[in-house]
Amino acid sequence: MVKQEKYKGKFIFVCESCNFRYATREWAEKCEHHCETKHSCSLEITKHAIKIK
């Protein structure tokens, strides 16, 4: 299940398998599904991840 967090006043979504963060629930769900079924990350999906310092 994708986790929702608040960051700088906005909600972001976290793949619970790899902890990558996304601006939309859709990308986080795609990431989590890929992680769980393929046991790896997809570069096509993770390029949409957001960077948090």
PDB file of N, CA and C in Angstrom:
ATOM      1  N   MET A   1       0.844  -1.178   0.000  1.00  0.00           N
ATOM      2  CA  MET A   1       0.000   0.000   0.000  1.00  0.00           C
ATOM      3  C   MET A   1       0.889   1.241   0.000  1.00  0.00           C
ATOM      4  N   VAL A   2       0.600   2.153  -0.848  1.00  0.00           N
ATOM      5  CA  VAL A   2       1.356   3.394  -0.967  1.00  0.00           C
ATOM      6  C   VAL A   2       1.093   4.263   0.262  1.00  0.00           C
ATOM      7  N   LYS A   3       2.163   4.838   0.782  1.00  0.00           N
ATOM      8  CA  LYS A   3       2.075   5.675   1.969  1.00  0.00           C
ATOM      9  C   LYS A   3       2.044   7.142   1.543  1.00  0.00           C
ATOM     10  N   GLN A   4       1.274   7.942   2.253  1.00  0.00           N
ATOM     11  CA  GLN A   4       1.174   9.369   1.976  1.00  0.00           C
ATOM     12  C   GLN A   4       1.884  10.141   3.083  1.00  0.00           C
ATOM     13  N   GLU A   5       2.730  11.107   2.687  1.00  0.00           N
ATOM     14  CA  GLU A   5       3.460  11.940   3.645  1.00  0.00           C
ATOM     15  C   GLU A   5       3.275  13.400   3.284  1.00  0.00           C
ATOM     16  N   LYS A   6       3.429  14.260   4.266  1.00  0.00           N
ATOM     17  CA  LYS A   6       3.383  15.690   4.002  1.00  0.00           C
ATOM     18  C   LYS A   6       4.815  16.212   3.976  1.00  0.00           C
ATOM     19  N   TYR A   7       5.139  16.971   2.922  1.00  0.00           N
ATOM     20  CA  TYR A   7       6.484  17.517   2.763  1.00  0.00           C
ATOM     21  C   TYR A   7       6.363  18.934   2.218  1.00  0.00           C
ATOM     22  N   LYS A   8       6.850  19.889   2.975  1.00  0.00           N
ATOM     23  CA  LYS A   8       6.801  21.308   2.596  1.00  0.00           C
ATOM     24  C   LYS A   8       5.390  21.745   2.214  1.00  0.00           C
ATOM     25  N   GLY A   9       4.418  21.332   2.994  1.00  0.00           N
ATOM     26  CA  GLY A   9       3.038  21.748   2.779  1.00  0.00           C
ATOM     27  C   GLY A   9       2.290  20.999   1.695  1.00  0.00           C
ATOM     28  N   LYS A  10       2.936  20.038   1.040  1.00  0.00           N
ATOM     29  CA  LYS A  10       2.292  19.256  -0.015  1.00  0.00           C
ATOM     30  C   LYS A  10       2.329  17.788   0.365  1.00  0.00           C
ATOM     31  N   PHE A  11       1.383  17.036  -0.187  1.00  0.00           N
ATOM     32  CA  PHE A  11       1.392  15.602   0.038  1.00  0.00           C
ATOM     33  C   PHE A  11       2.221  14.926  -1.043  1.00  0.00           C
ATOM     34  N   ILE A  12       3.058  13.984  -0.621  1.00  0.00           N
ATOM     35  CA  ILE A  12       3.823  13.155  -1.542  1.00  0.00           C
ATOM     36  C   ILE A  12       3.488  11.700  -1.237  1.00  0.00           C
ATOM     37  N   PHE A  13       3.809  10.836  -2.162  1.00  0.00           N
ATOM     38  CA  PHE A  13       3.442   9.426  -2.037  1.00  0.00           C
ATOM     39  C   PHE A  13       4.693   8.571  -2.099  1.00  0.00           C
ATOM     40  N   VAL A  14       4.744   7.560  -1.241  1.00  0.00           N
ATOM     41  CA  VAL A  14       5.955   6.760  -1.056  1.00  0.00           C
ATOM     42  C   VAL A  14       5.676   5.299  -1.397  1.00  0.00           C
ATOM     43  N   CYS A  15       6.542   4.738  -2.236  1.00  0.00           N
ATOM     44  CA  CYS A  15       6.513   3.299  -2.502  1.00  0.00           C
ATOM     45  C   CYS A  15       7.070   2.622  -1.247  1.00  0.00           C
ATOM     46  N   GLU A  16       6.285   1.790  -0.621  1.00  0.00           N
ATOM     47  CA  GLU A  16       6.731   1.157   0.620  1.00  0.00           C
ATOM     48  C   GLU A  16       7.752   0.049   0.385  1.00  0.00           C
ATOM     49  N   SER A  17       7.926  -0.376  -0.853  1.00  0.00           N
ATOM     50  CA  SER A  17       8.914  -1.406  -1.137  1.00  0.00           C
ATOM     51  C   SER A  17      10.326  -0.832  -1.217  1.00  0.00           C
ATOM     52  N   CYS A  18      10.482   0.303  -1.911  1.00  0.00           N
ATOM     53  CA  CYS A  18      11.824   0.864  -2.105  1.00  0.00           C
ATOM     54  C   CYS A  18      12.002   2.258  -1.502  1.00  0.00           C
ATOM     55  N   ASN A  19      10.927   2.828  -0.971  1.00  0.00           N
ATOM     56  CA  ASN A  19      10.929   4.156  -0.333  1.00  0.00           C
ATOM     57  C   ASN A  19      11.206   5.312  -1.287  1.00  0.00           C
ATOM     58  N   PHE A  20      11.032   5.120  -2.591  1.00  0.00           N
ATOM     59  CA  PHE A  20      11.112   6.250  -3.516  1.00  0.00           C
ATOM     60  C   PHE A  20       9.854   7.080  -3.336  1.00  0.00           C
ATOM     61  N   ARG A  21       9.993   8.384  -3.527  1.00  0.00           N
ATOM     62  CA  ARG A  21       8.887   9.304  -3.318  1.00  0.00           C
ATOM     63  C   ARG A  21       8.441   9.923  -4.636  1.00  0.00           C
ATOM     64  N   TYR A  22       7.117  10.118  -4.760  1.00  0.00           N
ATOM     65  CA  TYR A  22       6.532  10.627  -5.997  1.00  0.00           C
ATOM     66  C   TYR A  22       5.521  11.722  -5.684  1.00  0.00           C
ATOM     67  N   ALA A  23       5.328  12.609  -6.655  1.00  0.00           N
ATOM     68  CA  ALA A  23       4.371  13.703  -6.495  1.00  0.00           C
ATOM     69  C   ALA A  23       2.934  13.218  -6.666  1.00  0.00           C
ATOM     70  N   THR A  24       2.744  12.092  -7.357  1.00  0.00           N
ATOM     71  CA  THR A  24       1.391  11.580  -7.572  1.00  0.00           C
ATOM     72  C   THR A  24       1.272  10.140  -7.056  1.00  0.00           C
ATOM     73  N   ARG A  25       0.080   9.815  -6.623  1.00  0.00           N
ATOM     74  CA  ARG A  25      -0.196   8.453  -6.149  1.00  0.00           C
ATOM     75  C   ARG A  25      -0.026   7.453  -7.289  1.00  0.00           C
ATOM     76  N   GLU A  26      -0.391   7.850  -8.494  1.00  0.00           N
ATOM     77  CA  GLU A  26      -0.317   6.959  -9.651  1.00  0.00           C
ATOM     78  C   GLU A  26       1.088   6.403  -9.852  1.00  0.00           C
ATOM     79  N   TRP A  27       2.107   7.266  -9.821  1.00  0.00           N
ATOM     80  CA  TRP A  27       3.476   6.802 -10.028  1.00  0.00           C
ATOM     81  C   TRP A  27       3.951   5.946  -8.859  1.00  0.00           C
ATOM     82  N   ALA A  28       3.563   6.300  -7.655  1.00  0.00           N
ATOM     83  CA  ALA A  28       3.956   5.502  -6.489  1.00  0.00           C
ATOM     84  C   ALA A  28       3.343   4.101  -6.561  1.00  0.00           C
ATOM     85  N   GLU A  29       2.100   4.012  -7.015  1.00  0.00           N
ATOM     86  CA  GLU A  29       1.451   2.707  -7.143  1.00  0.00           C
ATOM     87  C   GLU A  29       2.107   1.869  -8.246  1.00  0.00           C
ATOM     88  N   LYS A  30       2.470   2.517  -9.359  1.00  0.00           N
ATOM     89  CA  LYS A  30       3.163   1.795 -10.431  1.00  0.00           C
ATOM     90  C   LYS A  30       4.500   1.266  -9.932  1.00  0.00           C
ATOM     91  N   CYS A  31       5.211   2.106  -9.183  1.00  0.00           N
ATOM     92  CA  CYS A  31       6.505   1.713  -8.641  1.00  0.00           C
ATOM     93  C   CYS A  31       6.351   0.528  -7.691  1.00  0.00           C
ATOM     94  N   GLU A  32       5.418   0.637  -6.779  1.00  0.00           N
ATOM     95  CA  GLU A  32       5.217  -0.425  -5.802  1.00  0.00           C
ATOM     96  C   GLU A  32       4.822  -1.738  -6.482  1.00  0.00           C
ATOM     97  N   HIS A  33       3.959  -1.654  -7.472  1.00  0.00           N
ATOM     98  CA  HIS A  33       3.545  -2.861  -8.199  1.00  0.00           C
ATOM     99  C   HIS A  33       4.751  -3.510  -8.886  1.00  0.00           C
ATOM    100  N   HIS A  34       5.574  -2.693  -9.538  1.00  0.00           N
ATOM    101  CA  HIS A  34       6.753  -3.226 -10.224  1.00  0.00           C
ATOM    102  C   HIS A  34       7.729  -3.833  -9.220  1.00  0.00           C
ATOM    103  N   CYS A  35       7.965  -3.142  -8.111  1.00  0.00           N
ATOM    104  CA  CYS A  35       8.884  -3.661  -7.088  1.00  0.00           C
ATOM    105  C   CYS A  35       8.430  -5.015  -6.560  1.00  0.00           C
ATOM    106  N   GLU A  36       7.131  -5.145  -6.317  1.00  0.00           N
ATOM    107  CA  GLU A  36       6.602  -6.373  -5.726  1.00  0.00           C
ATOM    108  C   GLU A  36       6.564  -7.527  -6.716  1.00  0.00           C
ATOM    109  N   THR A  37       6.321  -7.231  -7.992  1.00  0.00           N
ATOM    110  CA  THR A  37       6.210  -8.324  -8.959  1.00  0.00           C
ATOM    111  C   THR A  37       7.547  -8.703  -9.589  1.00  0.00           C
ATOM    112  N   LYS A  38       8.427  -7.723  -9.786  1.00  0.00           N
ATOM    113  CA  LYS A  38       9.711  -7.985 -10.448  1.00  0.00           C
ATOM    114  C   LYS A  38      10.900  -8.025  -9.489  1.00  0.00           C
ATOM    115  N   HIS A  39      10.686  -7.619  -8.242  1.00  0.00           N
ATOM    116  CA  HIS A  39      11.748  -7.575  -7.228  1.00  0.00           C
ATOM    117  C   HIS A  39      12.926  -6.714  -7.674  1.00  0.00           C
ATOM    118  N   SER A  40      12.596  -5.629  -8.372  1.00  0.00           N
ATOM    119  CA  SER A  40      13.599  -4.658  -8.816  1.00  0.00           C
ATOM    120  C   SER A  40      12.898  -3.343  -9.123  1.00  0.00           C
ATOM    121  N   CYS A  41      13.702  -2.310  -9.366  1.00  0.00           N
ATOM    122  CA  CYS A  41      13.140  -1.006  -9.726  1.00  0.00           C
ATOM    123  C   CYS A  41      13.183  -0.833 -11.239  1.00  0.00           C
ATOM    124  N   SER A  42      12.253  -0.063 -11.758  1.00  0.00           N
ATOM    125  CA  SER A  42      12.182   0.240 -13.178  1.00  0.00           C
ATOM    126  C   SER A  42      12.689   1.655 -13.409  1.00  0.00           C
ATOM    127  N   LEU A  43      13.649   1.825 -14.311  1.00  0.00           N
ATOM    128  CA  LEU A  43      14.162   3.152 -14.618  1.00  0.00           C
ATOM    129  C   LEU A  43      13.087   4.037 -15.238  1.00  0.00           C
ATOM    130  N   GLU A  44      12.176   3.452 -15.996  1.00  0.00           N
ATOM    131  CA  GLU A  44      11.093   4.226 -16.601  1.00  0.00           C
ATOM    132  C   GLU A  44      10.159   4.801 -15.538  1.00  0.00           C
ATOM    133  N   ILE A  45      10.027   4.125 -14.426  1.00  0.00           N
ATOM    134  CA  ILE A  45       9.161   4.611 -13.340  1.00  0.00           C
ATOM    135  C   ILE A  45       9.948   5.521 -12.411  1.00  0.00           C
ATOM    136  N   THR A  46      11.129   5.110 -12.008  1.00  0.00           N
ATOM    137  CA  THR A  46      11.877   5.874 -11.010  1.00  0.00           C
ATOM    138  C   THR A  46      12.368   7.224 -11.525  1.00  0.00           C
ATOM    139  N   LYS A  47      12.380   7.437 -12.831  1.00  0.00           N
ATOM    140  CA  LYS A  47      12.757   8.752 -13.337  1.00  0.00           C
ATOM    141  C   LYS A  47      11.733   9.812 -12.950  1.00  0.00           C
ATOM    142  N   HIS A  48      10.546   9.385 -12.492  1.00  0.00           N
ATOM    143  CA  HIS A  48       9.504  10.299 -12.047  1.00  0.00           C
ATOM    144  C   HIS A  48       9.569  10.555 -10.537  1.00  0.00           C
ATOM    145  N   ALA A  49      10.496   9.903  -9.866  1.00  0.00           N
ATOM    146  CA  ALA A  49      10.642  10.094  -8.415  1.00  0.00           C
ATOM    147  C   ALA A  49      11.124  11.504  -8.132  1.00  0.00           C
ATOM    148  N   ILE A  50      10.772  12.003  -6.958  1.00  0.00           N
ATOM    149  CA  ILE A  50      11.215  13.343  -6.580  1.00  0.00           C
ATOM    150  C   ILE A  50      12.390  13.235  -5.627  1.00  0.00           C
ATOM    151  N   LYS A  51      13.257  14.232  -5.698  1.00  0.00           N
ATOM    152  CA  LYS A  51      14.441  14.246  -4.844  1.00  0.00           C
ATOM    153  C   LYS A  51      14.149  15.077  -3.605  1.00  0.00           C
ATOM    154  N   ILE A  52      14.465  14.522  -2.459  1.00  0.00           N
ATOM    155  CA  ILE A  52      14.289  15.229  -1.191  1.00  0.00           C
ATOM    156  C   ILE A  52      15.657  15.295  -0.529  1.00  0.00           C
ATOM    157  N   LYS A  53      16.049  16.492  -0.170  1.00  0.00           N
ATOM    158  CA  LYS A  53      17.371  16.675   0.442  1.00  0.00           C
ATOM    159  C   LYS A  53      17.282  16.605   1.939  1.00  0.00           C
TER     160      LYS A  53
END
